[in-house]
C-alpha atoms as a PDB file:
ATOM      1  CA  UNK A   1     163.450 112.121 140.619  1.00  0.00           C
ATOM      2  CA  UNK A   2     159.804 111.430 139.864  1.00  0.00           C
ATOM      3  CA  UNK A   3     158.223 108.066 140.672  1.00  0.00           C
ATOM      4  CA  UNK A   4     157.645 107.418 136.952  1.00  0.00           C
ATOM      5  CA  UNK A   5     161.341 107.969 136.092  1.00  0.00           C
ATOM      6  CA  UNK A   6     162.405 105.774 139.008  1.00  0.00           C
ATOM      7  CA  UNK A   7     160.074 102.980 137.875  1.00  0.00           C
ATOM      8  CA  UNK A   8     161.379 103.264 134.302  1.00  0.00           C
ATOM      9  CA  UNK A   9     165.041 103.105 135.414  1.00  0.00           C
ATOM     10  CA  UNK A  10     164.356 100.254 137.831  1.00  0.00           C
ATOM     11  CA  UNK A  11     162.575  98.311 135.052  1.00  0.00           C
ATOM     12  CA  UNK A  12     165.551  98.749 132.727  1.00  0.00           C
ATOM     13  CA  UNK A  13     167.937  97.599 135.462  1.00  0.00           C
ATOM     14  CA  UNK A  14     165.884  94.449 136.160  1.00  0.00           C
ATOM     15  CA  UNK A  15     165.467  93.805 132.414  1.00  0.00           C
ATOM     16  CA  UNK A  16     169.226  93.893 131.759  1.00  0.00           C
ATOM     17  CA  UNK A  17     169.967  91.784 134.847  1.00  0.00           C
ATOM     18  CA  UNK A  18     167.553  89.089 133.623  1.00  0.00           C
ATOM     19  CA  UNK A  19     168.885  89.209 130.052  1.00  0.00           C
ATOM     20  CA  UNK A  20     172.526  88.893 131.138  1.00  0.00           C
ATOM     21  CA  UNK A  21     171.735  86.146 133.655  1.00  0.00           C
ATOM     22  CA  UNK A  22     170.472  83.933 130.814  1.00  0.00           C
ATOM     23  CA  UNK A  23     167.000  83.650 132.347  1.00  0.00           C
ATOM     24  CA  UNK A  24     165.142  85.178 129.346  1.00  0.00           C
ATOM     25  CA  UNK A  25     164.133  82.983 126.408  1.00  0.00           C
ATOM     26  CA  UNK A  26     162.071  83.427 123.264  1.00  0.00           C
ATOM     27  CA  UNK A  27     160.647  79.943 122.876  1.00  0.00           C
ATOM     28  CA  UNK A  28     159.654  78.335 119.563  1.00  0.00           C
ATOM     29  CA  UNK A  29     157.615  75.608 121.305  1.00  0.00           C
ATOM     30  CA  UNK A  30     154.247  77.065 120.267  1.00  0.00           C
ATOM     31  CA  UNK A  31     155.434  79.122 117.264  1.00  0.00           C
ATOM     32  CA  UNK A  32     152.622  79.545 114.726  1.00  0.00           C
ATOM     33  CA  UNK A  33     150.409  77.010 116.518  1.00  0.00           C
ATOM     34  CA  UNK A  34     146.674  77.619 116.386  1.00  0.00           C
ATOM     35  CA  UNK A  35     144.872  77.837 119.730  1.00  0.00           C
ATOM     36  CA  UNK A  36     141.145  77.146 119.901  1.00  0.00           C
ATOM     37  CA  UNK A  37     139.931  79.257 122.800  1.00  0.00           C
ATOM     38  CA  UNK A  38     137.055  78.360 125.113  1.00  0.00           C
ATOM     39  CA  UNK A  39     134.728  80.721 123.203  1.00  0.00           C
ATOM     40  CA  UNK A  40     135.484  78.981 119.872  1.00  0.00           C
ATOM     41  CA  UNK A  41     137.715  81.781 118.529  1.00  0.00           C
ATOM     42  CA  UNK A  42     141.014  80.746 116.915  1.00  0.00           C
ATOM     43  CA  UNK A  43     144.289  82.549 117.617  1.00  0.00           C
ATOM     44  CA  UNK A  44     147.743  81.966 116.143  1.00  0.00           C
ATOM     45  CA  UNK A  45     150.818  82.189 118.379  1.00  0.00           C
ATOM     46  CA  UNK A  46     153.226  84.864 117.148  1.00  0.00           C
ATOM     47  CA  UNK A  47     155.688  85.065 120.058  1.00  0.00           C
ATOM     48  CA  UNK A  48     156.489  83.317 123.333  1.00  0.00           C
ATOM     49  CA  UNK A  49     158.663  84.975 125.976  1.00  0.00           C
ATOM     50  CA  UNK A  50     159.782  83.195 129.145  1.00  0.00           C
ATOM     51  CA  UNK A  51     161.673  84.404 132.200  1.00  0.00           C
ATOM     52  CA  UNK A  52     162.996  81.590 134.338  1.00  0.00           C
ATOM     53  CA  UNK A  53     162.499  82.158 138.073  1.00  0.00           C
ATOM     54  CA  UNK A  54     165.613  82.400 140.249  1.00  0.00           C
ATOM     55  CA  UNK A  55     164.373  79.407 142.179  1.00  0.00           C
ATOM     56  CA  UNK A  56     161.645  76.854 141.600  1.00  0.00           C
ATOM     57  CA  UNK A  57     158.508  77.128 143.709  1.00  0.00           C
ATOM     58  CA  UNK A  58     155.557  74.899 144.492  1.00  0.00           C
ATOM     59  CA  UNK A  59     153.345  77.897 145.276  1.00  0.00           C
ATOM     60  CA  UNK A  60     150.149  78.332 143.245  1.00  0.00           C
ATOM     61  CA  UNK A  61     150.559  80.253 140.003  1.00  0.00           C
ATOM     62  CA  UNK A  62     148.006  82.035 137.827  1.00  0.00           C
ATOM     63  CA  UNK A  63     147.258  82.680 134.169  1.00  0.00           C
ATOM     64  CA  UNK A  64     146.203  86.142 133.036  1.00  0.00           C
ATOM     65  CA  UNK A  65     144.488  86.405 129.649  1.00  0.00           C
ATOM     66  CA  UNK A  66     143.792  89.713 127.897  1.00  0.00           C
ATOM     67  CA  UNK A  67     142.106  90.256 124.534  1.00  0.00           C
ATOM     68  CA  UNK A  68     141.618  93.429 122.508  1.00  0.00           C
ATOM     69  CA  UNK A  69     141.743  94.990 119.073  1.00  0.00           C
ATOM     70  CA  UNK A  70     144.252  97.752 118.403  1.00  0.00           C
ATOM     71  CA  UNK A  71     142.853 101.001 117.072  1.00  0.00           C
ATOM     72  CA  UNK A  72     144.462 102.940 114.266  1.00  0.00           C
ATOM     73  CA  UNK A  73     147.349 100.886 112.933  1.00  0.00           C
ATOM     74  CA  UNK A  74     147.177  97.830 110.656  1.00  0.00           C
ATOM     75  CA  UNK A  75     147.585  94.313 112.040  1.00  0.00           C
ATOM     76  CA  UNK A  76     151.085  93.776 110.551  1.00  0.00           C
ATOM     77  CA  UNK A  77     152.404  96.974 112.161  1.00  0.00           C
ATOM     78  CA  UNK A  78     150.879  96.106 115.535  1.00  0.00           C
ATOM     79  CA  UNK A  79     152.476  92.646 115.421  1.00  0.00           C
ATOM     80  CA  UNK A  80     155.898  94.292 115.185  1.00  0.00           C
ATOM     81  CA  UNK A  81     155.156  97.007 117.745  1.00  0.00           C
ATOM     82  CA  UNK A  82     153.802  94.542 120.305  1.00  0.00           C
ATOM     83  CA  UNK A  83     157.353  93.665 121.404  1.00  0.00           C
ATOM     84  CA  UNK A  84     158.093  97.227 122.614  1.00  0.00           C
ATOM     85  CA  UNK A  85     156.706  96.779 126.171  1.00  0.00           C
ATOM     86  CA  UNK A  86     158.573  93.459 126.656  1.00  0.00           C
ATOM     87  CA  UNK A  87     161.492  94.915 128.668  1.00  0.00           C
ATOM     88  CA  UNK A  88     159.061  96.460 131.156  1.00  0.00           C
ATOM     89  CA  UNK A  89     156.977  93.300 131.294  1.00  0.00           C
ATOM     90  CA  UNK A  90     160.062  91.178 132.001  1.00  0.00           C
ATOM     91  CA  UNK A  91     160.906  93.487 134.906  1.00  0.00           C
ATOM     92  CA  UNK A  92     157.488  93.120 136.584  1.00  0.00           C
ATOM     93  CA  UNK A  93     157.650  91.190 139.838  1.00  0.00           C
ATOM     94  CA  UNK A  94     156.118  87.747 139.420  1.00  0.00           C
ATOM     95  CA  UNK A  95     156.207  87.700 135.597  1.00  0.00           C
ATOM     96  CA  UNK A  96     157.109  84.281 134.173  1.00  0.00           C
ATOM     97  CA  UNK A  97     155.840  84.023 130.585  1.00  0.00           C
ATOM     98  CA  UNK A  98     153.767  85.693 127.896  1.00  0.00           C
ATOM     99  CA  UNK A  99     152.400  84.134 124.731  1.00  0.00           C
ATOM    100  CA  UNK A 100     151.310  86.682 122.116  1.00  0.00           C
ATOM    101  CA  UNK A 101     148.510  85.513 119.819  1.00  0.00           C
ATOM    102  CA  UNK A 102     146.458  87.081 117.033  1.00  0.00           C
ATOM    103  CA  UNK A 103     143.160  86.119 115.384  1.00  0.00           C
ATOM    104  CA  UNK A 104     142.208  86.352 111.714  1.00  0.00           C
ATOM    105  CA  UNK A 105     139.855  89.243 112.477  1.00  0.00           C
ATOM    106  CA  UNK A 106     142.629  91.319 114.062  1.00  0.00           C
ATOM    107  CA  UNK A 107     142.209  90.660 117.777  1.00  0.00           C
ATOM    108  CA  UNK A 108     145.331  90.355 119.898  1.00  0.00           C
ATOM    109  CA  UNK A 109     145.439  88.116 122.907  1.00  0.00           C
ATOM    110  CA  UNK A 110     148.144  87.894 125.519  1.00  0.00           C
ATOM    111  CA  UNK A 111     148.285  84.830 127.737  1.00  0.00           C
ATOM    112  CA  UNK A 112     150.580  85.268 130.736  1.00  0.00           C
ATOM    113  CA  UNK A 113     151.987  83.121 133.493  1.00  0.00           C
ATOM    114  CA  UNK A 114     152.357  84.926 136.822  1.00  0.00           C
ATOM    115  CA  UNK A 115     153.990  83.595 139.983  1.00  0.00           C
ATOM    116  CA  UNK A 116     150.744  84.077 141.921  1.00  0.00           C
ATOM    117  CA  UNK A 117     147.125  85.153 141.655  1.00  0.00           C
ATOM    118  CA  UNK A 118     148.082  88.404 143.418  1.00  0.00           C
ATOM    119  CA  UNK A 119     150.685  89.266 140.758  1.00  0.00           C
ATOM    120  CA  UNK A 120     148.163  88.483 138.005  1.00  0.00           C
ATOM    121  CA  UNK A 121     145.491  90.632 139.657  1.00  0.00           C
ATOM    122  CA  UNK A 122     147.954  93.530 140.020  1.00  0.00           C
ATOM    123  CA  UNK A 123     148.873  93.571 136.313  1.00  0.00           C
ATOM    124  CA  UNK A 124     145.852  95.667 135.174  1.00  0.00           C
ATOM    125  CA  UNK A 125     147.107  98.464 137.450  1.00  0.00           C
ATOM    126  CA  UNK A 126     150.491  98.593 135.661  1.00  0.00           C
ATOM    127  CA  UNK A 127     151.533 101.260 133.194  1.00  0.00           C
ATOM    128  CA  UNK A 128     152.068  98.534 130.551  1.00  0.00           C
ATOM    129  CA  UNK A 129     148.432  97.484 130.803  1.00  0.00           C
ATOM    130  CA  UNK A 130     147.319 101.119 130.765  1.00  0.00           C
ATOM    131  CA  UNK A 131     149.304 101.625 127.523  1.00  0.00           C
ATOM    132  CA  UNK A 132     147.445  98.651 126.057  1.00  0.00           C
ATOM    133  CA  UNK A 133     144.139 100.163 127.160  1.00  0.00           C
ATOM    134  CA  UNK A 134     144.966 103.459 125.434  1.00  0.00           C
ATOM    135  CA  UNK A 135     145.859 101.696 122.170  1.00  0.00           C
ATOM    136  CA  UNK A 136     142.841  99.372 122.086  1.00  0.00           C
ATOM    137  CA  UNK A 137     139.677 100.035 120.116  1.00  0.00           C
ATOM    138  CA  UNK A 138     136.859 101.162 122.376  1.00  0.00           C
ATOM    139  CA  UNK A 139     134.868  98.320 123.898  1.00  0.00           C
ATOM    140  CA  UNK A 140     137.217  95.533 122.756  1.00  0.00           C
ATOM    141  CA  UNK A 141     139.399  95.059 125.844  1.00  0.00           C
ATOM    142  CA  UNK A 142     138.672  92.237 128.257  1.00  0.00           C
ATOM    143  CA  UNK A 143     140.737  90.186 130.654  1.00  0.00           C
ATOM    144  CA  UNK A 144     140.494  87.184 132.930  1.00  0.00           C
ATOM    145  CA  UNK A 145     142.592  85.832 135.810  1.00  0.00           C
ATOM    146  CA  UNK A 146     142.675  82.047 136.025  1.00  0.00           C
ATOM    147  CA  UNK A 147     144.101  81.110 139.447  1.00  0.00           C
ATOM    148  CA  UNK A 148     145.946  77.880 140.232  1.00  0.00           C
ATOM    149  CA  UNK A 149     146.713  77.306 136.557  1.00  0.00           C
ATOM    150  CA  UNK A 150     150.026  76.463 134.887  1.00  0.00           C
ATOM    151  CA  UNK A 151     150.305  78.119 131.481  1.00  0.00           C
ATOM    152  CA  UNK A 152     151.900  75.148 129.708  1.00  0.00           C
ATOM    153  CA  UNK A 153     149.025  72.883 130.799  1.00  0.00           C
ATOM    154  CA  UNK A 154     146.443  75.509 129.856  1.00  0.00           C
ATOM    155  CA  UNK A 155     147.947  75.968 126.378  1.00  0.00           C
ATOM    156  CA  UNK A 156     148.331  72.218 125.793  1.00  0.00           C
ATOM    157  CA  UNK A 157     144.533  71.900 126.007  1.00  0.00           C
ATOM    158  CA  UNK A 158     144.026  74.658 123.402  1.00  0.00           C
ATOM    159  CA  UNK A 159     146.537  73.675 120.696  1.00  0.00           C
ATOM    160  CA  UNK A 160     144.902  72.446 117.488  1.00  0.00           C
END
């Protein structure tokens, strides 16, 4: 079996285990809220996915923020398609939460909570991120790791 097939099957196994354990939630807490980002750009929350950890931890966490514009397909189609990688994302070690946002000019922004800075820094090496890179318009993709940051506190400061 190839490494890629093994990773795919392992991701599906972890995904179903987390779903059936009741640890996965689509939260409405920030639904349709407008976030005013540090650069002055406004984004509307379209989805919020949380995976509860098996056990609580006091270890430092990190936020990972990615922004890009999809190439090719219209905004409405991309909003619907953006859920497709969720099962693989939920299976990533250290993943805790993702908030999907979109701006009026068609930029998508994902704001993630990872269990550590190391997990956040590893995400750009994942096949999910590489898929995003392939689907983004040239020159529009950027990301940032914000260590020692809790996503709920970060978002609270951005909500309009």
